[in-house]
Amino acid sequence: QVQLVESGGGLVQAGGSLRLSCAASGRIFSSSAMGWFRQAPGNEREFVAAIRWSGGSTYYADSVKGRFTISRDNAKDTVYLQMNSLQREDTAVYYCAASPPLFDSRRLIKSSEYTYWGQGTQVTVSS
């Protein structure tokens, strides 16, 4: 079992920054991936970014490339999402997720590949 707890959401003006944290506890395999997804009202949950627990390879949705950075601190079992140049369209509930061992990078963007989910944290960007 893996437990995930997100923090760091809030209200920010357009152009501002936020850093989300996801603290993990339990067994995370080195070949697992940690992902961030988001869901806005009326929309489906969408992929934002992912990072491999071992090796640190990162993957991003086109909509956030160049603005968001995912990173991890293995010593703290924590994954971060640094969000810069925030736009109103980034407003959503952000979820952290952990996958079982996953070797095909093309599957990292699919929410169905992730087994464990946090409770979500609200990010609201105002104009």
Foldseek 3Di string as FASTA:
>chain_A
DKAKAKDWADEEAAQAKIKMKIFMDDDADQQKKKFKWWDDPPGDIWGAKMFGNHPTDIDGDPVQPPFWDWDDDNVRNMIMIIGGRDDQVPWTWMKMFMAHRDDDPVCPGPPVRTDYIYPTDTHGYHD
